[in-house]
Protein backbone atom coordinates (compact mmCIF):
# COMPACT_ATOMS: atom_id res chain seq x y z
CA UNK A 1 19.62 -38.31 -103.99
CA UNK A 2 17.76 -35.71 -102.98
CA UNK A 3 18.72 -31.52 -103.22
CA UNK A 4 19.43 -29.66 -100.04
CA UNK A 5 17.83 -26.13 -100.24
CA UNK A 6 20.80 -24.10 -101.52
CA UNK A 7 21.50 -26.11 -104.77
CA UNK A 8 17.62 -25.98 -106.06
CA UNK A 9 17.85 -22.02 -105.38
CA UNK A 10 21.03 -21.62 -107.18
CA UNK A 11 20.49 -24.25 -110.02
CA UNK A 12 17.84 -22.06 -110.32
CA UNK A 13 18.17 -18.83 -111.24
CA UNK A 14 21.72 -19.93 -112.97
CA UNK A 15 22.32 -17.76 -116.30
CA UNK A 16 24.87 -19.65 -117.24
CA UNK A 17 28.32 -20.82 -115.84
CA UNK A 18 31.28 -18.92 -116.88
CA UNK A 19 34.48 -20.14 -117.71
CA UNK A 20 36.31 -19.07 -114.53
CA UNK A 21 33.49 -22.27 -112.51
CA UNK A 22 32.02 -18.95 -111.78
CA UNK A 23 27.50 -19.19 -112.76
CA UNK A 24 26.13 -15.96 -113.99
CA UNK A 25 23.43 -15.65 -111.05
CA UNK A 26 20.32 -13.87 -111.05
CA UNK A 27 19.38 -12.09 -108.09
CA UNK A 28 15.89 -11.43 -107.45
CA UNK A 29 15.92 -9.02 -104.58
CA UNK A 30 18.65 -5.81 -104.14
CA UNK A 31 19.07 -4.18 -100.83
CA UNK A 32 20.55 -0.07 -100.85
CA UNK A 33 21.20 1.63 -98.20
CA UNK A 34 23.74 5.50 -98.09
CA UNK A 35 27.22 3.88 -97.48
CA UNK A 36 27.46 1.52 -100.32
CA UNK A 37 25.45 2.89 -102.90
CA UNK A 38 26.93 5.97 -103.76
CA UNK A 39 29.54 5.54 -105.58
CA UNK A 40 27.97 2.64 -106.92
CA UNK A 41 25.63 5.08 -108.85
CA UNK A 42 27.78 8.03 -109.81
CA UNK A 43 29.97 4.59 -111.68
CA UNK A 44 27.04 3.54 -113.56
CA UNK A 45 26.61 7.44 -114.48
CA UNK A 46 30.44 7.78 -115.56
CA UNK A 47 29.77 4.45 -117.05
CA UNK A 48 26.48 6.11 -118.93
CA UNK A 49 24.78 2.69 -117.51
CA UNK A 50 21.36 2.27 -115.93
CA UNK A 51 19.54 0.61 -113.84
CA UNK A 52 18.41 -2.97 -115.26
CA UNK A 53 15.71 -3.85 -112.73
CA UNK A 54 14.80 -0.88 -109.80
CA UNK A 55 11.48 -2.70 -109.04
CA UNK A 56 14.03 -5.48 -107.53
CA UNK A 57 15.71 -2.94 -105.87
CA UNK A 58 15.00 -0.90 -102.37
CA UNK A 59 16.68 1.35 -100.49
CA UNK A 60 16.65 2.29 -97.32
CA UNK A 61 18.78 4.96 -94.21
CA UNK A 62 20.59 3.19 -92.04
CA UNK A 63 24.26 2.85 -91.12
CA UNK A 64 25.32 6.56 -90.72
CA UNK A 65 21.56 7.33 -89.59
CA UNK A 66 21.91 9.45 -85.89
CA UNK A 67 19.73 7.92 -83.31
CA UNK A 68 19.12 11.04 -81.86
CA UNK A 69 19.47 14.26 -83.26
CA UNK A 70 17.92 13.92 -86.66
CA UNK A 71 16.94 17.66 -88.23
CA UNK A 72 17.93 17.69 -91.56
CA UNK A 73 20.46 18.73 -92.69
CA UNK A 74 22.02 16.72 -90.64
CA UNK A 75 24.76 17.96 -88.06
CA UNK A 76 27.43 15.85 -90.19
CA UNK A 77 27.76 17.56 -93.27
CA UNK A 78 29.55 13.96 -95.17
CA UNK A 79 26.04 12.22 -93.85
CA UNK A 80 24.45 14.73 -94.91
CA UNK A 81 26.15 14.72 -98.57
CA UNK A 82 25.82 10.60 -98.52
CA UNK A 83 21.83 10.94 -97.56
CA UNK A 84 21.54 13.24 -100.13
CA UNK A 85 23.20 11.51 -102.97
CA UNK A 86 20.86 8.38 -102.07
CA UNK A 87 18.01 10.19 -102.41
CA UNK A 88 18.99 11.33 -105.79
CA UNK A 89 20.02 8.20 -107.14
CA UNK A 90 16.32 7.25 -106.25
CA UNK A 91 14.65 9.22 -107.77
CA UNK A 92 16.56 9.30 -110.69
CA UNK A 93 16.41 5.84 -111.34
CA UNK A 94 12.74 5.11 -109.72
CA UNK A 95 13.75 3.33 -106.67
CA UNK A 96 11.55 2.81 -103.72
CA UNK A 97 13.89 4.31 -100.60
CA UNK A 98 12.39 4.41 -96.91
CA UNK A 99 13.99 7.50 -95.76
CA UNK A 100 13.62 9.39 -92.48
CA UNK A 101 10.16 9.84 -91.41
CA UNK A 102 8.64 8.29 -93.77
CA UNK A 103 7.70 5.20 -91.27
CA UNK A 104 8.80 2.25 -92.43
CA UNK A 105 13.00 3.38 -92.71
CA UNK A 106 15.13 0.59 -90.32
CA UNK A 107 18.25 -1.43 -90.70
CA UNK A 108 18.02 -2.68 -94.14
CA UNK A 109 17.84 -6.01 -92.52
CA UNK A 110 15.00 -5.86 -90.03
CA UNK A 111 13.21 -3.56 -92.80
CA UNK A 112 13.51 -6.13 -95.80
CA UNK A 113 11.75 -9.08 -93.62
CA UNK A 114 9.50 -7.11 -92.06
CA UNK A 115 7.58 -5.77 -94.84
CA UNK A 116 7.09 -9.05 -97.18
CA UNK A 117 10.26 -8.32 -99.17
CA UNK A 118 12.39 -11.16 -98.35
CA UNK A 119 10.98 -14.50 -99.58
CA UNK A 120 12.19 -18.54 -99.34
CA UNK A 121 13.94 -19.48 -102.74
CA UNK A 122 14.87 -15.76 -103.51
CA UNK A 123 18.64 -14.31 -104.34
CA UNK A 124 18.99 -11.48 -102.56
CA UNK A 125 22.07 -9.39 -101.77
CA UNK A 126 23.24 -6.07 -100.38
CA UNK A 127 26.23 -3.85 -99.74
CA UNK A 128 26.65 -4.84 -96.15
CA UNK A 129 28.36 -8.42 -95.08
CA UNK A 130 24.93 -9.63 -92.74
CA UNK A 131 22.75 -9.89 -95.38
CA UNK A 132 22.59 -13.10 -94.64
CA UNK A 133 20.25 -12.49 -92.23
CA UNK A 134 18.20 -12.88 -94.61
CA UNK A 135 18.85 -16.56 -95.33
CA UNK A 136 16.53 -17.02 -91.79
CA UNK A 137 13.23 -16.83 -94.70
CA UNK A 138 15.03 -20.00 -96.32
CA UNK A 139 16.65 -17.57 -99.24
CA UNK A 140 20.40 -17.78 -100.31
CA UNK A 141 21.16 -14.19 -98.93
CA UNK A 142 24.78 -12.93 -99.63
CA UNK A 143 26.79 -9.15 -98.32
CA UNK A 144 28.88 -7.72 -101.46
CA UNK A 145 31.29 -5.14 -102.05
CA UNK A 146 31.12 -1.66 -103.85
CA UNK A 147 32.04 -2.52 -106.95
CA UNK A 148 29.46 -5.74 -107.08
CA UNK A 149 26.85 -3.29 -105.62
CA UNK A 150 26.80 -1.15 -109.30
CA UNK A 151 27.26 -4.56 -111.23
CA UNK A 152 23.89 -5.98 -109.53
CA UNK A 153 22.24 -2.40 -110.50
CA UNK A 154 23.36 -2.95 -113.60
CA UNK A 155 22.48 -5.87 -114.80
CA UNK A 156 20.51 -8.01 -111.88
CA UNK A 157 23.72 -10.77 -112.14
CA UNK A 158 27.03 -11.23 -110.03
CA UNK A 159 29.45 -13.91 -110.45
CA UNK A 160 29.95 -16.45 -107.97
CA UNK A 161 31.16 -19.36 -106.67
CA UNK A 162 28.91 -22.20 -105.73
CA UNK A 163 29.69 -23.01 -101.81
CA UNK A 164 29.61 -26.51 -100.54
CA UNK A 165 26.54 -27.06 -97.70
CA UNK A 166 27.40 -27.85 -93.72
CA UNK A 167 24.50 -29.20 -92.54
CA UNK A 168 24.18 -27.99 -88.53
CA UNK A 169 21.83 -29.23 -86.08
CA UNK A 170 20.95 -28.30 -82.82
CA UNK A 171 19.50 -30.58 -80.64
CA UNK A 172 17.90 -31.12 -77.39
CA UNK A 173 16.12 -28.20 -75.15
CA UNK A 174 17.26 -24.76 -75.10
CA UNK A 175 18.47 -24.22 -71.24
CA UNK A 176 15.96 -21.18 -69.47
CA UNK A 177 18.15 -17.64 -70.31
CA UNK A 178 19.54 -18.69 -73.65
CA UNK A 179 18.66 -17.62 -76.90
CA UNK A 180 19.46 -17.75 -80.90
CA UNK A 181 22.61 -14.90 -79.67
CA UNK A 182 24.35 -18.16 -77.82
CA UNK A 183 23.84 -20.81 -80.08
CA UNK A 184 25.32 -18.65 -83.01
CA UNK A 185 27.83 -17.79 -80.60
CA UNK A 186 28.43 -21.51 -79.43
CA UNK A 187 28.50 -22.55 -82.97
CA UNK A 188 31.57 -20.14 -83.87
CA UNK A 189 33.03 -21.10 -81.50
CA UNK A 190 33.23 -24.65 -81.62
CA UNK A 191 33.50 -24.28 -85.95
CA UNK A 192 35.66 -21.16 -86.19
CA UNK A 193 35.90 -17.50 -87.12
CA UNK A 194 37.01 -19.56 -90.39
CA UNK A 195 35.54 -22.74 -90.13
CA UNK A 196 32.80 -21.68 -92.99
CA UNK A 197 35.32 -20.68 -95.33
CA UNK A 198 33.83 -22.22 -98.81
CA UNK A 199 30.85 -23.23 -96.73
CA UNK A 200 27.13 -22.60 -97.22
CA UNK A 201 25.72 -23.15 -92.99
CA UNK A 202 22.22 -24.95 -93.10
CA UNK A 203 20.46 -24.54 -89.49
CA UNK A 204 18.46 -27.45 -88.51
CA UNK A 205 17.21 -29.48 -85.25
CA UNK A 206 14.82 -29.15 -83.04
CA UNK A 207 15.80 -26.23 -81.71
CA UNK A 208 16.14 -24.09 -84.70
CA UNK A 209 12.98 -25.84 -85.49
CA UNK A 210 11.47 -24.01 -82.95
CA UNK A 211 12.90 -20.70 -83.04
CA UNK A 212 10.86 -18.51 -84.16
CA UNK A 213 11.00 -15.79 -87.36
CA UNK A 214 13.20 -13.38 -85.75
CA UNK A 215 15.50 -15.85 -83.75
CA UNK A 216 16.39 -17.68 -87.16
CA UNK A 217 17.51 -13.89 -88.28
CA UNK A 218 19.68 -13.34 -85.56
CA UNK A 219 20.80 -16.73 -86.11
CA UNK A 220 22.09 -16.82 -89.68
CA UNK A 221 23.09 -13.00 -88.82
CA UNK A 222 26.04 -13.92 -87.66
CA UNK A 223 26.94 -16.69 -90.90
CA UNK A 224 29.72 -14.44 -91.99
CA UNK A 225 31.44 -14.03 -88.79
CA UNK A 226 31.36 -17.91 -88.96
CA UNK A 227 33.75 -17.61 -92.47
CA UNK A 228 29.99 -18.97 -94.04
CA UNK A 229 28.58 -16.08 -96.82
CA UNK A 230 25.66 -18.00 -95.76
CA UNK A 231 23.65 -19.43 -93.63
CA UNK A 232 19.58 -20.57 -94.14
CA UNK A 233 17.30 -22.23 -92.58
CA UNK A 234 14.38 -23.94 -94.45
CA UNK A 235 11.20 -22.52 -94.99
CA UNK A 236 8.22 -24.16 -92.64
CA UNK A 237 4.91 -22.98 -91.24
CA UNK A 238 6.43 -20.52 -89.01
CA UNK A 239 8.43 -18.96 -92.35
CA UNK A 240 4.84 -18.86 -94.07
CA UNK A 241 2.79 -18.01 -91.33
CA UNK A 242 5.27 -14.39 -90.40
CA UNK A 243 5.31 -13.56 -93.99
CA UNK A 244 0.69 -13.75 -94.41
CA UNK A 245 -0.06 -10.56 -94.70
CA UNK A 246 3.19 -7.76 -95.35
CA UNK A 247 2.69 -5.40 -98.10
CA UNK A 248 5.52 -6.99 -100.60
CA UNK A 249 3.77 -11.08 -100.02
CA UNK A 250 1.64 -12.49 -102.14
CA UNK A 251 -2.30 -11.69 -101.19
CA UNK A 252 -5.16 -13.82 -101.70
CA UNK A 253 -4.72 -16.75 -104.02
CA UNK A 254 -1.32 -16.18 -105.02
CA UNK A 255 -0.11 -16.26 -100.76
CA UNK A 256 -1.21 -20.09 -101.33
CA UNK A 257 0.66 -20.81 -104.77
CA UNK A 258 3.25 -19.02 -103.20
CA UNK A 259 3.06 -21.54 -99.95
CA UNK A 260 3.10 -24.13 -102.21
CA UNK A 261 5.71 -23.67 -103.99
CA UNK A 262 8.30 -22.85 -101.01
CA UNK A 263 7.24 -26.10 -99.96
CA UNK A 264 8.94 -27.44 -102.25
CA UNK A 265 12.24 -25.90 -102.43
CA UNK A 266 13.20 -27.24 -99.26
CA UNK A 267 16.05 -29.12 -98.74
CA UNK A 268 14.95 -32.89 -99.98
CA UNK A 269 15.04 -35.33 -96.89
CA UNK A 270 17.93 -36.96 -98.47
CA UNK A 271 19.37 -34.23 -99.13
CA UNK A 272 23.70 -35.08 -99.60
CA UNK A 273 26.21 -32.58 -97.44
CA UNK A 274 29.74 -31.99 -98.20
CA UNK A 275 29.40 -31.61 -93.85
CA UNK A 276 27.29 -32.57 -90.95
CA UNK A 277 27.36 -31.27 -87.50
CA UNK A 278 25.32 -32.03 -84.54
CA UNK A 279 25.10 -29.81 -81.39
CA UNK A 280 23.83 -30.33 -78.42
CA UNK A 281 20.97 -27.03 -76.95
CA UNK A 282 20.70 -28.86 -73.51
CA UNK A 283 24.29 -27.84 -73.24
CA UNK A 284 24.92 -23.72 -74.18
CA UNK A 285 24.63 -21.18 -71.54
CA UNK A 286 24.81 -17.40 -71.91
CA UNK A 287 27.72 -16.87 -73.94
CA UNK A 288 29.77 -13.67 -73.98
CA UNK A 289 33.28 -12.80 -75.69
CA UNK A 290 36.73 -12.46 -74.18
CA UNK A 291 38.27 -11.20 -76.88
CA UNK A 292 38.73 -9.66 -80.20
CA UNK A 293 36.73 -11.89 -82.42
CA UNK A 294 33.52 -13.76 -81.87
CA UNK A 295 35.10 -16.93 -81.94
CA UNK A 296 36.60 -15.70 -78.65
CA UNK A 297 33.44 -17.02 -76.68
CA UNK A 298 32.83 -18.17 -73.38
CA UNK A 299 29.94 -19.72 -71.44
CA UNK A 300 28.95 -16.51 -68.67
CA UNK A 301 29.78 -19.19 -65.91
CA UNK A 302 33.07 -19.96 -67.54
CA UNK A 303 37.11 -18.92 -67.12
CA UNK A 304 38.16 -17.19 -69.68
CA UNK A 305 40.65 -20.21 -71.38
CA UNK A 306 44.53 -20.30 -70.07
CA UNK A 307 46.89 -20.85 -73.43
CA UNK A 308 47.44 -24.64 -73.13
CA UNK A 309 43.64 -24.87 -73.79
CA UNK A 310 43.16 -23.56 -76.82
CA UNK A 311 44.71 -24.91 -79.86
CA UNK A 312 48.31 -23.63 -80.47
CA UNK A 313 47.43 -21.54 -83.87
CA UNK A 314 44.77 -19.49 -82.19
CA UNK A 315 47.78 -18.82 -79.44
CA UNK A 316 48.57 -15.51 -80.79
CA UNK A 317 45.07 -13.81 -81.72
CA UNK A 318 44.70 -15.25 -77.96
CA UNK A 319 47.88 -13.29 -76.73
CA UNK A 320 47.03 -10.13 -78.65
CA UNK A 321 43.28 -10.36 -77.23
CA UNK A 322 44.65 -10.21 -73.75
CA UNK A 323 46.45 -7.44 -73.58
CA UNK A 324 44.02 -5.42 -75.93
CA UNK A 325 41.20 -5.96 -74.04
CA UNK A 326 43.09 -6.19 -70.38
CA UNK A 327 41.86 -9.48 -69.42
CA UNK A 328 43.61 -12.49 -68.03
CA UNK A 329 43.80 -15.76 -68.88
CA UNK A 330 41.69 -18.20 -66.09
CA UNK A 331 40.11 -15.30 -65.19
CA UNK A 332 36.19 -15.07 -64.45
CA UNK A 333 33.82 -13.53 -67.50
CA UNK A 334 31.63 -12.71 -64.97
CA UNK A 335 32.07 -9.57 -63.19
CA UNK A 336 34.16 -7.95 -65.95
CA UNK A 337 32.93 -3.88 -65.11
CA UNK A 338 31.22 -2.67 -68.37
CA UNK A 339 31.11 1.79 -69.02
CA UNK A 340 28.32 0.86 -71.61
CA UNK A 341 25.30 -0.87 -72.14
CA UNK A 342 24.51 -1.29 -76.63
CA UNK A 343 20.74 -3.42 -76.98
CA UNK A 344 19.56 -2.94 -80.63
CA UNK A 345 21.16 -3.68 -84.90
CA UNK A 346 20.73 -6.60 -87.11
CA UNK A 347 21.37 -9.11 -84.68
CA UNK A 348 19.31 -8.16 -82.11
CA UNK A 349 17.17 -4.70 -82.16
CA UNK A 350 13.08 -6.34 -83.72
CA UNK A 351 10.84 -6.47 -80.79
CA UNK A 352 11.49 -9.65 -79.20
CA UNK A 353 14.25 -8.72 -78.71
CA UNK A 354 13.24 -5.82 -77.02
CA UNK A 355 10.61 -7.56 -75.44
CA UNK A 356 12.73 -10.07 -73.09
CA UNK A 357 15.56 -7.33 -72.44
CA UNK A 358 12.72 -5.20 -70.58
CA UNK A 359 11.94 -8.38 -68.64
CA UNK A 360 15.04 -8.27 -67.14
CA UNK A 361 14.86 -4.35 -66.58
CA UNK A 362 11.81 -4.06 -65.11
CA UNK A 363 12.08 -2.55 -61.68
CA UNK A 364 15.70 -2.05 -61.88
CA UNK A 365 17.78 0.48 -62.26
CA UNK A 366 20.97 0.96 -64.78
CA UNK A 367 23.79 1.01 -62.47
CA UNK A 368 26.10 4.17 -61.55
CA UNK A 369 27.93 4.89 -64.54
CA UNK A 370 26.90 2.54 -66.73
CA UNK A 371 25.67 4.60 -70.16
CA UNK A 372 23.10 2.76 -72.17
CA UNK A 373 20.98 2.76 -74.78
CA UNK A 374 18.26 1.23 -76.54
CA UNK A 375 18.36 1.50 -80.21
CA UNK A 376 14.70 0.00 -82.07
CA UNK A 377 16.04 -2.07 -85.51
CA UNK A 378 13.10 -0.04 -87.85
CA UNK A 379 9.87 2.66 -87.35
CA UNK A 380 7.85 -0.40 -87.01
CA UNK A 381 9.78 -2.31 -83.89
CA UNK A 382 9.90 1.33 -82.22
CA UNK A 383 6.16 1.60 -82.85
CA UNK A 384 5.05 -1.40 -81.26
CA UNK A 385 7.41 -1.33 -78.81
CA UNK A 386 6.59 1.72 -78.02
CA UNK A 387 2.53 0.36 -77.83
CA UNK A 388 3.25 -2.16 -75.04
CA UNK A 389 5.05 0.43 -72.40
CA UNK A 390 8.32 -1.46 -73.47
CA UNK A 391 9.88 1.80 -73.46
CA UNK A 392 8.52 3.44 -70.91
CA UNK A 393 9.87 0.34 -69.39
CA UNK A 394 13.98 0.81 -70.50
CA UNK A 395 13.49 5.13 -69.80
CA UNK A 396 12.57 4.07 -66.18
CA UNK A 397 15.11 2.12 -65.96
CA UNK A 398 18.43 5.07 -66.45
CA UNK A 399 18.42 3.92 -70.66
CA UNK A 400 17.71 5.87 -73.47
CA UNK A 401 15.65 5.05 -75.70
CA UNK A 402 16.68 6.23 -79.26
CA UNK A 403 15.41 6.70 -83.27
CA UNK A 404 16.22 3.17 -85.37
CA UNK A 405 19.26 2.97 -87.20
CA UNK A 406 22.52 0.63 -86.90
CA UNK A 407 23.35 3.25 -84.21
CA UNK A 408 26.58 1.60 -81.98
CA UNK A 409 26.93 -1.54 -84.11
CA UNK A 410 30.05 -0.03 -86.01
CA UNK A 411 29.80 3.74 -85.33
CA UNK A 412 29.84 5.18 -88.52
CA UNK A 413 26.68 7.77 -86.31
CA UNK A 414 27.82 10.13 -83.22
CA UNK A 415 27.20 6.89 -81.48
CA UNK A 416 30.41 5.61 -80.80
CA UNK A 417 32.65 4.13 -77.56
CA UNK A 418 35.54 6.71 -75.91
CA UNK A 419 38.83 5.97 -74.77
CA UNK A 420 39.31 2.73 -73.39
CA UNK A 421 35.44 2.08 -72.67
CA UNK A 422 33.84 -1.02 -71.93
CA UNK A 423 30.26 -1.73 -73.27
CA UNK A 424 28.29 -4.79 -73.11
CA UNK A 425 26.78 -5.32 -76.48
CA UNK A 426 24.78 -7.36 -78.62
CA UNK A 427 26.00 -6.57 -82.44
CA UNK A 428 27.63 -8.37 -83.73
CA UNK A 429 31.76 -7.81 -83.49
CA UNK A 430 33.59 -7.38 -81.41
CA UNK A 431 36.60 -6.03 -83.78
CA UNK A 432 39.34 -3.57 -82.51
CA UNK A 433 38.07 -0.27 -82.83
CA UNK A 434 34.43 -1.06 -84.37
CA UNK A 435 32.19 0.70 -82.07
CA UNK A 436 34.22 4.24 -83.12
CA UNK A 437 37.38 4.06 -79.87
CA UNK A 438 40.62 2.46 -81.44
CA UNK A 439 40.98 1.60 -77.85
CA UNK A 440 37.21 0.72 -77.21
CA UNK A 441 36.36 -2.34 -76.19
CA UNK A 442 33.26 -4.82 -76.51
CA UNK A 443 31.86 -7.99 -75.16
CA UNK A 444 29.61 -8.98 -77.21
CA UNK A 445 26.22 -11.28 -75.91
CA UNK A 446 22.62 -11.36 -76.38
CA UNK A 447 20.08 -8.57 -75.25
CA UNK A 448 19.14 -10.06 -71.72
CA UNK A 449 22.88 -10.36 -71.39
CA UNK A 450 23.12 -7.13 -71.74
CA UNK A 451 20.31 -5.77 -69.74
CA UNK A 452 21.88 -8.21 -67.32
CA UNK A 453 24.96 -6.36 -67.29
CA UNK A 454 23.25 -2.66 -67.41
CA UNK A 455 21.48 -2.71 -64.43
CA UNK A 456 24.88 -5.02 -62.29
CA UNK A 457 27.63 -2.33 -64.35
CA UNK A 458 28.94 -5.63 -64.64
CA UNK A 459 29.05 -8.88 -66.74
CA UNK A 460 26.27 -10.85 -64.68
CA UNK A 461 24.36 -14.85 -65.60
CA UNK A 462 20.87 -13.18 -66.21
CA UNK A 463 19.67 -17.05 -65.01
CA UNK A 464 20.16 -15.17 -61.44
CA UNK A 465 18.27 -12.09 -62.27
CA UNK A 466 15.19 -13.90 -63.49
CA UNK A 467 11.72 -14.17 -61.01
């Protein structure tokens, strides 16, 4: 029996098996940012340690960076302090930093792939839970905590438990108006927010194979929301063409040799899996969350579920979600009023996301009373979008066009909900307080669905807006 990609990459990066049953796993690429690294660097200093492999560590600023006024010192003293701590540490330990004004700054999970740092067959770690994004390239990528960031800086290794592999095939063809974000929300809805615990998700099937790299990144990004720490897609010609010519990717003859190796680490045709799931892509509708976790989701043309339609174990969470969200069983989700529309994040802040959203808002206006933001995922995304005139489409429609950053995804910066505002968001989490207000309410959806909600002032079926 052959092996899935996870086992091939895991075996190649295992330094030794530990008595605990964990593997001492070598990490090929370490990505850091301003929030989870300052404490790790300080711990290194206090322990008299240094960074073992600075050439395999890259830094950016994204979580707390303002997306409007960015003059230094930053208006938020704590944010400025964290910026300075990262800048000082990168200079001290010889780590490349994509700082403000560098032309390469952006969300860590957008910057890594677009620069060619992320490559097939790698092990990748970052102090951020959505590091699974990089699995779109056939890498084994996962988020770690601050203590593990310190350990990784010092040793370039982590103690890890090998997950089992669940193969998820999405068959058929997606209907018009349905995107990768809808697919991953549908998967989480189907398998549950804890369904992936102990598993790595290997995504495949005709729908995934047709996805662009940006769509695959959206898919893998939210694996963690389904309980899987790792999600990946096997590398193929789409992967290789995306990486060709990027700054940190192999060049010339080395690129052809790399492709040959990348092909070899894809899952074998006769690979064995712990579990296999098949979903019909043709049955997926534009999807919206109604509750306080990404698994509480329905098609835009469905009604919010009644208790008798839910598993008994989900009743308590649903009851709390209904009360918090001020939504009611049996109501349609379409027509739910919104106050804020946010397009961006490491899930959906890439160029293709902005292109699709701009198609919806072109020639339309943001509804009265709605605050609408578009936040590109990186300097590169912003440049390319502006070169295509996308910013002009958004501004003409009444959106604010911002600088790159995590923005309202997690509100560790000035972009926050206020009071009981309802936000149509293209981000990845709808937890209580996630977007900055302890009472704010988040409805997750695709960028085109956010665009539709912005111009309608309520949750709308984007399929009705396509010309």
